[in-house]
């Protein structure tokens, strides 16, 4: 470039006297040169060195996702192999590629093909400590490409530190008029990476905003752990039909995003969370993707709704049957400043559409606190299913049998079930645990009916006391008198 030749002569143009000395002294001025300018110049020089035809069109290659696929060796090799198997050559099909030494004019930029991060096996997410089957990320460097259509191109992947918004970037050099084919080339690489991601993410459970240890808890939960009326379980299972081909076609024909939103409502302790985890384990075993969304701490930058929005968008991008699980849904949609965003995402212009279907299964202990525009509007919440207190004798017996395990005896414990009706499932669990502890206190191996009755009464009485706040308030302060009850001053 002519500009670089001018820079070399700058030091000869500034000759001024120094410290009163009339003899001219040479003053050297340093002019900052941007890295992308150096890279552009080096690309042009390399283009001519390789004797590519004409003058190149040099531009910033568009960023697509978390990695620049046009520099990842595994993806490039896969694209070349795909092209050899195809009878019809698509635009942007790569015939071969090779790594080039960094040109002399690059002044060391991207001269070492070092990767800047490790990726999970799906090539979508950054690996973390404890990750398995990780792959190397995109290495820095200079590449040349030969395309099946008979044209060649160059690109360099480097770190640009010119300003605060810079970072890893790719600059490409292509023959003028081939820019559309370059973009088609990027699309082919993205499709390969998405295919890998779909294969690797089948059966994957991801925790958003919470502890990854929760994954193993979900995997261990089965439908046998869910003690609910058969009709309730049937209602919930019916929502899985969103993943059927027939329902997906029906949604598409109606031009409705393939996102179904189901809200499980009921008091605490009725089994909603256990049902959520069991549904997650079941869906993962079927090969679907599961996102379990937790509300982030207030100290963290993102809001609960942003976490949920990210999960729904990730579901759409996965193009796999996806289950999004959310506890305490009211926490995610309660910010008045985000209400319009929520409405648009649940039933509006911003609703993420997953061609393979997304089921949002959420719970709420306090549905009254949810804005009626969300809770009562069909299409924003498609169906509400009540998970209520235990009101059926047979179900109550199932709870006792489940939580007592081998200690359960029909003739000893069955009639206790009648006394525990109108209680949540968690009450049955605590009665059985406290009853077993009471038996151990009296050195008895068997858990008897009287142990369960004792535990039930203790728990109920404790709740009754806790509901009387006046019992825990200090007595009002009395007016102080003088010593020994006499008024002071007398």
Protein backbone atom coordinates (compact mmCIF):
# COMPACT_ATOMS: atom_id res chain seq x y z
CA UNK A 1 0.00 0.00 0.00
CA UNK A 2 1.17 3.52 -0.77
CA UNK A 3 0.34 4.58 2.80
CA UNK A 4 3.06 2.35 4.22
CA UNK A 5 5.68 3.87 1.93
CA UNK A 6 4.65 7.34 3.12
CA UNK A 7 5.02 6.28 6.75
CA UNK A 8 8.63 5.28 6.17
CA UNK A 9 9.50 8.81 5.00
CA UNK A 10 7.75 10.71 7.81
CA UNK A 11 10.88 10.98 9.92
CA UNK A 12 12.68 12.91 7.16
CA UNK A 13 9.95 15.53 6.88
CA UNK A 14 10.21 16.99 10.38
CA UNK A 15 13.54 18.86 10.84
CA UNK A 16 13.43 21.60 13.52
CA UNK A 17 15.95 23.46 15.75
CA UNK A 18 16.32 22.10 19.28
CA UNK A 19 17.37 24.07 22.45
CA UNK A 20 18.28 27.23 20.58
CA UNK A 21 20.62 25.37 18.29
CA UNK A 22 20.00 26.61 14.77
CA UNK A 23 21.27 23.33 13.35
CA UNK A 24 18.22 21.25 12.38
CA UNK A 25 17.61 18.11 14.39
CA UNK A 26 15.60 15.13 13.26
CA UNK A 27 12.37 14.44 15.16
CA UNK A 28 10.82 11.00 14.77
CA UNK A 29 7.07 10.78 15.19
CA UNK A 30 5.31 7.47 15.78
CA UNK A 31 2.00 6.96 14.02
CA UNK A 32 -0.28 4.22 15.35
CA UNK A 33 -1.19 1.58 12.79
CA UNK A 34 -4.29 -0.55 13.44
CA UNK A 35 -3.88 -4.32 13.43
CA UNK A 36 -6.58 -4.79 10.83
CA UNK A 37 -4.67 -2.42 8.53
CA UNK A 38 -1.56 -4.56 8.89
CA UNK A 39 -3.57 -7.73 8.29
CA UNK A 40 -5.26 -6.25 5.22
CA UNK A 41 -1.90 -5.29 3.74
CA UNK A 42 -0.45 -8.73 4.52
CA UNK A 43 -3.46 -10.47 2.95
CA UNK A 44 -2.99 -8.46 -0.25
CA UNK A 45 0.72 -9.26 -0.39
CA UNK A 46 0.08 -12.97 0.24
CA UNK A 47 -2.60 -12.95 -2.46
CA UNK A 48 -0.10 -11.76 -5.05
CA UNK A 49 2.66 -14.01 -3.70
CA UNK A 50 0.40 -17.04 -4.32
CA UNK A 51 -0.37 -15.62 -7.79
CA UNK A 52 -4.13 -15.50 -7.28
CA UNK A 53 -5.87 -13.65 -10.10
CA UNK A 54 -6.71 -9.95 -9.92
CA UNK A 55 -7.06 -7.74 -6.88
CA UNK A 56 -8.78 -9.23 -3.81
CA UNK A 57 -11.88 -7.96 -2.06
CA UNK A 58 -10.84 -7.78 1.62
CA UNK A 59 -13.46 -7.61 4.39
CA UNK A 60 -14.29 -8.69 7.94
CA UNK A 61 -15.85 -12.15 7.73
CA UNK A 62 -19.23 -12.11 9.53
CA UNK A 63 -19.28 -13.47 13.05
CA UNK A 64 -21.57 -16.46 13.41
CA UNK A 65 -22.05 -18.03 16.82
CA UNK A 66 -19.34 -18.57 19.41
CA UNK A 67 -16.63 -19.66 16.97
CA UNK A 68 -15.33 -18.85 13.50
CA UNK A 69 -16.05 -22.10 11.70
CA UNK A 70 -14.07 -21.11 8.58
CA UNK A 71 -10.86 -21.73 10.55
CA UNK A 72 -11.74 -24.95 12.39
CA UNK A 73 -9.81 -27.88 10.83
CA UNK A 74 -12.35 -30.60 11.73
CA UNK A 75 -15.24 -28.68 10.18
CA UNK A 76 -13.26 -27.84 7.04
CA UNK A 77 -12.24 -31.48 6.58
CA UNK A 78 -15.85 -32.57 7.06
CA UNK A 79 -17.06 -30.08 4.43
CA UNK A 80 -14.46 -31.30 1.91
CA UNK A 81 -15.51 -34.92 2.55
CA UNK A 82 -19.20 -34.04 2.14
CA UNK A 83 -18.48 -32.43 -1.22
CA UNK A 84 -16.85 -35.59 -2.54
CA UNK A 85 -20.01 -37.58 -1.79
CA UNK A 86 -22.46 -35.16 -3.39
CA UNK A 87 -23.54 -35.31 -7.02
CA UNK A 88 -24.89 -31.76 -7.03
CA UNK A 89 -22.39 -29.18 -5.83
CA UNK A 90 -23.94 -26.43 -3.67
CA UNK A 91 -22.70 -22.83 -3.78
CA UNK A 92 -19.71 -22.34 -1.49
CA UNK A 93 -18.59 -25.99 -1.62
CA UNK A 94 -14.95 -26.33 -0.54
CA UNK A 95 -12.59 -28.57 -2.58
CA UNK A 96 -9.48 -28.22 -0.39
CA UNK A 97 -7.73 -25.99 2.12
CA UNK A 98 -4.28 -25.54 3.59
CA UNK A 99 -2.55 -23.63 6.32
CA UNK A 100 -0.19 -20.83 5.24
CA UNK A 101 2.83 -19.43 7.02
CA UNK A 102 2.21 -15.97 8.41
CA UNK A 103 3.44 -13.47 5.77
CA UNK A 104 6.45 -11.31 6.55
CA UNK A 105 4.28 -8.21 6.35
CA UNK A 106 2.04 -9.57 9.15
CA UNK A 107 4.77 -8.73 11.71
CA UNK A 108 3.99 -11.87 13.74
CA UNK A 109 0.21 -11.49 13.87
CA UNK A 110 -1.43 -14.96 14.06
CA UNK A 111 1.91 -16.63 13.40
CA UNK A 112 1.28 -19.37 15.99
CA UNK A 113 -1.77 -21.64 15.39
CA UNK A 114 -2.82 -21.67 19.03
CA UNK A 115 -6.41 -22.31 20.09
CA UNK A 116 -7.94 -19.77 22.44
CA UNK A 117 -10.41 -22.05 24.27
CA UNK A 118 -11.76 -25.57 24.58
CA UNK A 119 -15.26 -26.57 23.47
CA UNK A 120 -17.76 -29.14 24.63
CA UNK A 121 -18.29 -32.05 22.25
CA UNK A 122 -21.30 -30.28 20.70
CA UNK A 123 -18.96 -27.47 19.54
CA UNK A 124 -21.50 -24.95 20.83
CA UNK A 125 -20.50 -24.36 24.45
CA UNK A 126 -17.21 -23.53 26.14
CA UNK A 127 -15.80 -26.37 28.22
CA UNK A 128 -15.46 -25.99 31.98
CA UNK A 129 -13.54 -27.78 34.70
CA UNK A 130 -14.75 -31.37 34.85
CA UNK A 131 -16.06 -31.42 31.25
CA UNK A 132 -15.54 -34.59 29.22
CA UNK A 133 -14.90 -35.28 25.52
CA UNK A 134 -13.85 -31.68 24.91
CA UNK A 135 -12.47 -30.54 21.56
CA UNK A 136 -10.00 -27.81 20.66
CA UNK A 137 -11.41 -24.46 19.67
CA UNK A 138 -10.58 -22.53 16.51
CA UNK A 139 -6.82 -21.88 16.19
CA UNK A 140 -5.35 -18.57 15.06
CA UNK A 141 -3.63 -18.58 11.69
CA UNK A 142 -3.62 -17.96 7.94
CA UNK A 143 -5.51 -20.25 5.55
CA UNK A 144 -5.98 -20.57 1.81
CA UNK A 145 -9.03 -22.20 0.23
CA UNK A 146 -9.79 -23.74 -3.13
CA UNK A 147 -13.48 -24.01 -4.02
CA UNK A 148 -15.11 -26.53 -6.31
CA UNK A 149 -16.28 -23.72 -8.59
CA UNK A 150 -12.62 -22.98 -9.39
CA UNK A 151 -11.84 -19.89 -7.32
CA UNK A 152 -9.53 -19.36 -4.36
CA UNK A 153 -9.64 -17.28 -1.19
CA UNK A 154 -7.56 -16.38 1.86
CA UNK A 155 -8.43 -15.63 5.46
CA UNK A 156 -6.68 -14.93 8.74
CA UNK A 157 -8.01 -15.54 12.25
CA UNK A 158 -6.34 -13.21 14.75
CA UNK A 159 -6.88 -11.25 17.94
CA UNK A 160 -7.66 -7.59 17.33
CA UNK A 161 -6.91 -5.44 20.40
CA UNK A 162 -7.50 -2.02 18.86
CA UNK A 163 -10.35 -1.00 21.19
CA UNK A 164 -12.52 -2.25 24.03
CA UNK A 165 -14.99 -4.00 21.72
CA UNK A 166 -12.39 -5.96 19.78
CA UNK A 167 -11.40 -9.57 20.15
CA UNK A 168 -10.96 -12.61 17.90
CA UNK A 169 -11.95 -11.86 14.31
CA UNK A 170 -11.50 -13.16 10.77
CA UNK A 171 -10.54 -11.09 7.73
CA UNK A 172 -11.11 -12.69 4.34
CA UNK A 173 -9.82 -11.98 0.84
CA UNK A 174 -11.93 -13.25 -2.07
CA UNK A 175 -12.17 -12.43 -5.79
CA UNK A 176 -14.65 -9.59 -6.42
CA UNK A 177 -18.10 -11.00 -7.09
CA UNK A 178 -17.56 -14.14 -4.97
CA UNK A 179 -18.73 -12.66 -1.67
CA UNK A 180 -22.16 -14.39 -1.87
CA UNK A 181 -20.44 -17.74 -2.33
CA UNK A 182 -18.23 -16.99 0.68
CA UNK A 183 -21.35 -16.49 2.79
CA UNK A 184 -22.81 -19.73 1.39
CA UNK A 185 -19.55 -21.43 2.44
CA UNK A 186 -20.09 -20.17 6.01
CA UNK A 187 -23.66 -21.51 5.96
CA UNK A 188 -22.43 -24.98 4.95
CA UNK A 189 -19.97 -24.98 7.85
CA UNK A 190 -22.65 -23.83 10.30
CA UNK A 191 -24.94 -26.65 9.18
CA UNK A 192 -22.18 -29.19 9.84
CA UNK A 193 -21.61 -27.76 13.31
CA UNK A 194 -25.37 -27.74 14.03
CA UNK A 195 -25.59 -31.39 12.94
CA UNK A 196 -22.80 -32.26 15.38
CA UNK A 197 -24.53 -30.25 18.11
CA UNK A 198 -27.86 -32.03 17.60
CA UNK A 199 -26.14 -35.42 17.72
CA UNK A 200 -24.14 -34.61 20.85
CA UNK A 201 -26.95 -32.86 22.70
CA UNK A 202 -29.53 -35.65 22.46
CA UNK A 203 -30.41 -36.61 26.01
CA UNK A 204 -28.54 -33.59 27.40
CA UNK A 205 -29.70 -31.87 30.61
CA UNK A 206 -28.45 -28.32 31.19
CA UNK A 207 -28.91 -26.29 34.36
CA UNK A 208 -29.28 -22.56 33.70
CA UNK A 209 -28.56 -20.29 36.65
CA UNK A 210 -28.07 -23.11 39.16
CA UNK A 211 -25.72 -25.84 40.37
CA UNK A 212 -24.78 -28.49 37.79
CA UNK A 213 -25.05 -31.14 40.52
CA UNK A 214 -28.80 -30.88 39.94
CA UNK A 215 -28.32 -32.85 36.70
CA UNK A 216 -27.65 -36.07 38.60
CA UNK A 217 -30.63 -35.42 40.89
CA UNK A 218 -32.89 -35.12 37.84
CA UNK A 219 -31.46 -38.26 36.22
CA UNK A 220 -32.17 -40.28 39.38
CA UNK A 221 -35.82 -39.17 39.56
CA UNK A 222 -38.34 -41.58 38.04
CA UNK A 223 -42.10 -41.65 37.60
CA UNK A 224 -42.23 -44.10 40.50
CA UNK A 225 -41.23 -41.18 42.74
CA UNK A 226 -44.32 -39.23 41.59
CA UNK A 227 -47.39 -40.01 43.72
CA UNK A 228 -50.28 -38.16 42.11
CA UNK A 229 -53.78 -39.06 40.92
CA UNK A 230 -53.80 -40.99 37.66
CA UNK A 231 -55.95 -38.32 35.99
CA UNK A 232 -53.40 -35.62 36.86
CA UNK A 233 -50.52 -37.67 35.46
CA UNK A 234 -52.56 -38.31 32.32
CA UNK A 235 -53.13 -34.57 31.84
CA UNK A 236 -49.42 -33.82 32.16
CA UNK A 237 -48.37 -36.68 29.88
CA UNK A 238 -50.78 -35.43 27.22
CA UNK A 239 -48.75 -32.22 26.89
CA UNK A 240 -45.86 -34.23 25.40
CA UNK A 241 -47.86 -34.52 22.20
CA UNK A 242 -46.38 -31.18 21.17
CA UNK A 243 -43.39 -33.27 20.01
CA UNK A 244 -45.45 -35.49 17.70
CA UNK A 245 -45.06 -34.94 13.95
CA UNK A 246 -48.81 -34.45 13.55
CA UNK A 247 -49.00 -31.67 16.16
CA UNK A 248 -45.88 -29.95 14.82
CA UNK A 249 -47.48 -29.88 11.36
CA UNK A 250 -50.69 -28.50 12.83
CA UNK A 251 -48.85 -25.69 14.64
CA UNK A 252 -46.92 -24.85 11.48
CA UNK A 253 -50.10 -24.81 9.36
CA UNK A 254 -51.64 -22.32 11.79
CA UNK A 255 -48.45 -20.20 11.70
CA UNK A 256 -48.19 -20.58 15.47
CA UNK A 257 -44.76 -20.97 17.16
CA UNK A 258 -44.26 -24.58 18.24
CA UNK A 259 -44.02 -23.67 21.92
CA UNK A 260 -46.46 -25.11 24.48
CA UNK A 261 -46.68 -23.51 27.93
CA UNK A 262 -48.07 -25.49 30.86
CA UNK A 263 -48.37 -24.21 34.44
CA UNK A 264 -48.65 -26.62 37.38
CA UNK A 265 -50.36 -24.86 40.29
CA UNK A 266 -50.92 -25.89 43.89
CA UNK A 267 -49.75 -25.37 47.48
CA UNK A 268 -46.18 -26.18 48.51
CA UNK A 269 -45.25 -29.80 49.10
CA UNK A 270 -47.77 -31.37 46.71
CA UNK A 271 -45.16 -32.93 44.41
CA UNK A 272 -44.81 -30.34 41.64
CA UNK A 273 -41.01 -30.24 41.81
CA UNK A 274 -40.71 -34.03 41.84
CA UNK A 275 -42.99 -34.20 38.81
CA UNK A 276 -40.83 -31.62 37.02
CA UNK A 277 -37.66 -33.63 37.63
CA UNK A 278 -39.30 -36.91 36.62
CA UNK A 279 -40.52 -35.35 33.38
CA UNK A 280 -37.01 -34.06 32.75
CA UNK A 281 -35.44 -37.50 33.28
CA UNK A 282 -38.06 -39.12 31.02
CA UNK A 283 -37.55 -36.58 28.23
CA UNK A 284 -33.75 -36.92 28.33
CA UNK A 285 -34.04 -40.72 28.07
CA UNK A 286 -36.17 -40.22 24.97
CA UNK A 287 -33.28 -38.28 23.38
CA UNK A 288 -34.61 -34.77 23.90
CA UNK A 289 -32.89 -31.72 25.37
CA UNK A 290 -33.77 -30.47 28.86
CA UNK A 291 -33.15 -26.98 30.24
CA UNK A 292 -33.76 -26.61 34.00
CA UNK A 293 -33.96 -22.89 34.75
CA UNK A 294 -33.20 -21.49 38.20
CA UNK A 295 -33.66 -17.88 39.26
CA UNK A 296 -30.22 -16.19 39.55
CA UNK A 297 -29.14 -14.38 42.72
CA UNK A 298 -29.96 -10.67 42.78
CA UNK A 299 -26.25 -9.90 42.83
CA UNK A 300 -25.80 -11.43 39.38
CA UNK A 301 -26.21 -9.28 36.29
CA UNK A 302 -29.06 -11.18 34.60
CA UNK A 303 -32.69 -11.23 35.71
CA UNK A 304 -34.84 -14.37 36.12
CA UNK A 305 -36.73 -13.54 32.92
CA UNK A 306 -33.46 -13.20 30.98
CA UNK A 307 -32.50 -16.68 32.15
CA UNK A 308 -35.81 -18.12 30.98
CA UNK A 309 -35.68 -16.19 27.71
CA UNK A 310 -32.19 -17.58 27.06
CA UNK A 311 -33.47 -21.13 27.66
CA UNK A 312 -36.37 -20.73 25.21
CA UNK A 313 -34.10 -19.22 22.57
CA UNK A 314 -31.56 -22.03 23.06
CA UNK A 315 -34.39 -24.53 22.69
CA UNK A 316 -35.35 -23.03 19.34
CA UNK A 317 -31.74 -23.05 18.16
CA UNK A 318 -31.25 -26.70 19.15
CA UNK A 319 -33.87 -27.90 16.63
CA UNK A 320 -34.42 -30.86 18.94
CA UNK A 321 -37.49 -31.74 21.05
CA UNK A 322 -36.85 -29.56 24.10
CA UNK A 323 -38.32 -29.48 27.61
CA UNK A 324 -37.85 -26.24 29.57
CA UNK A 325 -38.46 -26.69 33.31
CA UNK A 326 -39.10 -23.74 35.63
CA UNK A 327 -39.91 -23.67 39.35
CA UNK A 328 -41.78 -20.72 40.89
CA UNK A 329 -42.83 -19.26 37.55
CA UNK A 330 -44.16 -16.12 39.25
CA UNK A 331 -40.56 -15.08 40.05
CA UNK A 332 -39.66 -15.03 36.33
CA UNK A 333 -42.53 -12.86 35.10
CA UNK A 334 -43.05 -10.40 37.96
CA UNK A 335 -40.82 -7.50 36.87
CA UNK A 336 -43.08 -4.73 35.52
CA UNK A 337 -40.21 -3.32 33.43
CA UNK A 338 -39.92 -6.63 31.55
CA UNK A 339 -43.66 -7.29 31.15
CA UNK A 340 -43.82 -6.33 27.47
CA UNK A 341 -40.82 -8.56 26.72
CA UNK A 342 -42.55 -11.42 28.52
CA UNK A 343 -45.80 -10.94 26.60
CA UNK A 344 -43.97 -10.79 23.27
CA UNK A 345 -42.00 -13.95 24.01
CA UNK A 346 -44.95 -15.99 25.31
CA UNK A 347 -47.41 -14.94 22.62
CA UNK A 348 -46.11 -12.33 20.23
CA UNK A 349 -43.59 -11.27 17.65
CA UNK A 350 -40.62 -12.46 19.73
CA UNK A 351 -41.81 -16.02 20.43
CA UNK A 352 -38.94 -18.46 19.72
CA UNK A 353 -40.05 -21.19 17.28
CA UNK A 354 -38.42 -24.61 17.54
CA UNK A 355 -39.23 -26.79 14.49
CA UNK A 356 -38.91 -29.87 16.72
CA UNK A 357 -41.18 -28.40 19.43
CA UNK A 358 -40.61 -26.89 22.88
CA UNK A 359 -42.63 -27.69 26.01
CA UNK A 360 -42.36 -25.15 28.84
CA UNK A 361 -43.40 -26.90 32.05
CA UNK A 362 -43.52 -24.50 35.01
CA UNK A 363 -44.78 -24.56 38.60
CA UNK A 364 -46.30 -21.95 40.88
CA UNK A 365 -47.29 -21.98 44.54
CA UNK A 366 -48.84 -18.54 44.12
CA UNK A 367 -50.64 -18.26 40.76
CA UNK A 368 -52.64 -15.27 42.05
CA UNK A 369 -49.47 -13.17 41.94
CA UNK A 370 -49.01 -13.77 38.20
CA UNK A 371 -50.26 -10.91 36.02
CA UNK A 372 -53.69 -11.87 34.60
CA UNK A 373 -52.48 -10.87 31.14
CA UNK A 374 -50.11 -13.83 31.38
CA UNK A 375 -52.03 -16.30 33.55
CA UNK A 376 -55.52 -15.90 32.06
CA UNK A 377 -54.71 -15.27 28.40
CA UNK A 378 -54.91 -18.48 26.30
CA UNK A 379 -51.77 -18.75 24.24
CA UNK A 380 -49.55 -17.17 26.87
CA UNK A 381 -50.24 -19.97 29.30
CA UNK A 382 -51.90 -22.75 27.33
CA UNK A 383 -53.15 -24.87 30.21
CA UNK A 384 -53.13 -24.79 34.02
CA UNK A 385 -53.07 -28.13 35.86
CA UNK A 386 -53.76 -28.31 39.58
CA UNK A 387 -51.46 -30.40 41.76
CA UNK A 388 -53.49 -30.37 44.95
CA UNK A 389 -53.68 -31.88 48.42
CA UNK A 390 -54.16 -35.59 48.97
CA UNK A 391 -57.91 -36.24 49.06
CA UNK A 392 -58.17 -39.86 47.95
CA UNK A 393 -57.81 -42.74 50.44
CA UNK A 394 -56.06 -45.05 48.00
CA UNK A 395 -53.57 -42.34 47.10
CA UNK A 396 -52.98 -41.63 50.81
CA UNK A 397 -52.19 -45.34 51.37
CA UNK A 398 -49.76 -45.23 48.45
CA UNK A 399 -47.95 -42.33 50.11
CA UNK A 400 -47.63 -44.24 53.40
CA UNK A 401 -46.44 -47.37 51.64
CA UNK A 402 -43.91 -45.40 49.59
CA UNK A 403 -42.39 -43.48 52.51
CA UNK A 404 -42.44 -46.32 55.04
CA UNK A 405 -40.94 -48.77 52.57
CA UNK A 406 -40.31 -52.21 54.10
CA UNK A 407 -41.75 -51.02 57.43
CA UNK A 408 -45.26 -50.67 55.95
CA UNK A 409 -47.89 -53.17 57.11
CA UNK A 410 -51.42 -52.86 55.79
CA UNK A 411 -53.15 -53.95 58.97
CA UNK A 412 -51.08 -51.59 61.14
CA UNK A 413 -50.85 -48.43 59.04
CA UNK A 414 -53.66 -48.31 56.46
CA UNK A 415 -56.28 -46.69 58.69
CA UNK A 416 -53.89 -43.80 59.47
CA UNK A 417 -54.38 -42.62 55.90
CA UNK A 418 -57.85 -41.33 56.69
CA UNK A 419 -56.44 -38.96 59.32
CA UNK A 420 -53.87 -37.52 56.87
CA UNK A 421 -56.28 -36.51 54.12
CA UNK A 422 -56.32 -32.85 53.00
CA UNK A 423 -52.56 -32.68 53.54
CA UNK A 424 -49.80 -32.26 50.93
CA UNK A 425 -47.62 -35.21 49.98
CA UNK A 426 -44.70 -33.70 51.88
CA UNK A 427 -46.72 -34.06 55.10
CA UNK A 428 -46.94 -37.83 54.58
CA UNK A 429 -43.19 -37.99 54.11
CA UNK A 430 -42.44 -36.08 57.30
CA UNK A 431 -44.98 -38.12 59.30
CA UNK A 432 -43.28 -41.34 58.20
CA UNK A 433 -39.77 -40.02 58.93
CA UNK A 434 -40.70 -38.53 62.33
CA UNK A 435 -42.67 -41.67 63.20
CA UNK A 436 -39.64 -43.86 62.47
CA UNK A 437 -37.48 -41.58 64.64
CA UNK A 438 -40.02 -41.84 67.47
CA UNK A 439 -39.88 -45.62 67.30
CA UNK A 440 -36.10 -45.55 67.58
CA UNK A 441 -36.31 -43.28 70.63
CA UNK A 442 -38.15 -45.99 72.52
CA UNK A 443 -35.80 -48.73 71.24
CA UNK A 444 -38.42 -50.28 68.97
CA UNK A 445 -37.50 -51.61 65.53
CA UNK A 446 -41.07 -51.55 64.21
CA UNK A 447 -42.90 -48.36 63.29
CA UNK A 448 -46.39 -48.61 64.76
CA UNK A 449 -49.61 -46.77 64.13
CA UNK A 450 -49.13 -44.82 67.35
CA UNK A 451 -45.76 -43.52 66.08
CA UNK A 452 -47.41 -42.08 62.97
CA UNK A 453 -50.22 -40.53 65.01
CA UNK A 454 -47.71 -38.97 67.38
CA UNK A 455 -45.72 -37.54 64.46
CA UNK A 456 -48.86 -36.20 62.76
CA UNK A 457 -50.03 -34.43 65.91
CA UNK A 458 -46.59 -32.97 66.59
CA UNK A 459 -46.30 -31.53 63.05
CA UNK A 460 -49.86 -30.14 62.99
CA UNK A 461 -49.46 -28.55 66.41
CA UNK A 462 -46.20 -26.97 65.37
CA UNK A 463 -47.82 -25.39 62.32
CA UNK A 464 -50.71 -24.12 64.43
CA UNK A 465 -48.31 -22.44 66.84
CA UNK A 466 -46.32 -20.90 63.98
CA UNK A 467 -49.51 -19.36 62.58
CA UNK A 468 -50.04 -17.36 65.81
CA UNK A 469 -47.58 -14.47 65.52
CA UNK A 470 -48.79 -12.91 68.76
CA UNK A 471 -47.20 -15.80 70.68
CA UNK A 472 -43.77 -14.67 69.51
CA UNK A 473 -44.16 -10.93 70.01
CA UNK A 474 -42.58 -9.44 73.15
CA UNK A 475 -44.94 -7.95 75.74
CA UNK A 476 -45.37 -4.15 75.50
CA UNK A 477 -42.96 -2.22 77.71
CA UNK A 478 -44.44 -0.92 80.98
CA UNK A 479 -43.87 2.59 82.32
CA UNK A 480 -41.01 2.52 84.78
CA UNK A 481 -41.63 3.76 88.32
CA UNK A 482 -39.17 4.67 91.07
CA UNK A 483 -37.22 2.29 93.20
CA UNK A 484 -39.36 -0.33 94.98
CA UNK A 485 -42.41 0.88 93.05
CA UNK A 486 -42.37 4.37 94.54
CA UNK A 487 -42.56 7.42 92.37
CA UNK A 488 -39.36 9.32 92.08
CA UNK A 489 -38.96 12.65 93.80
CA UNK A 490 -41.02 11.74 96.85
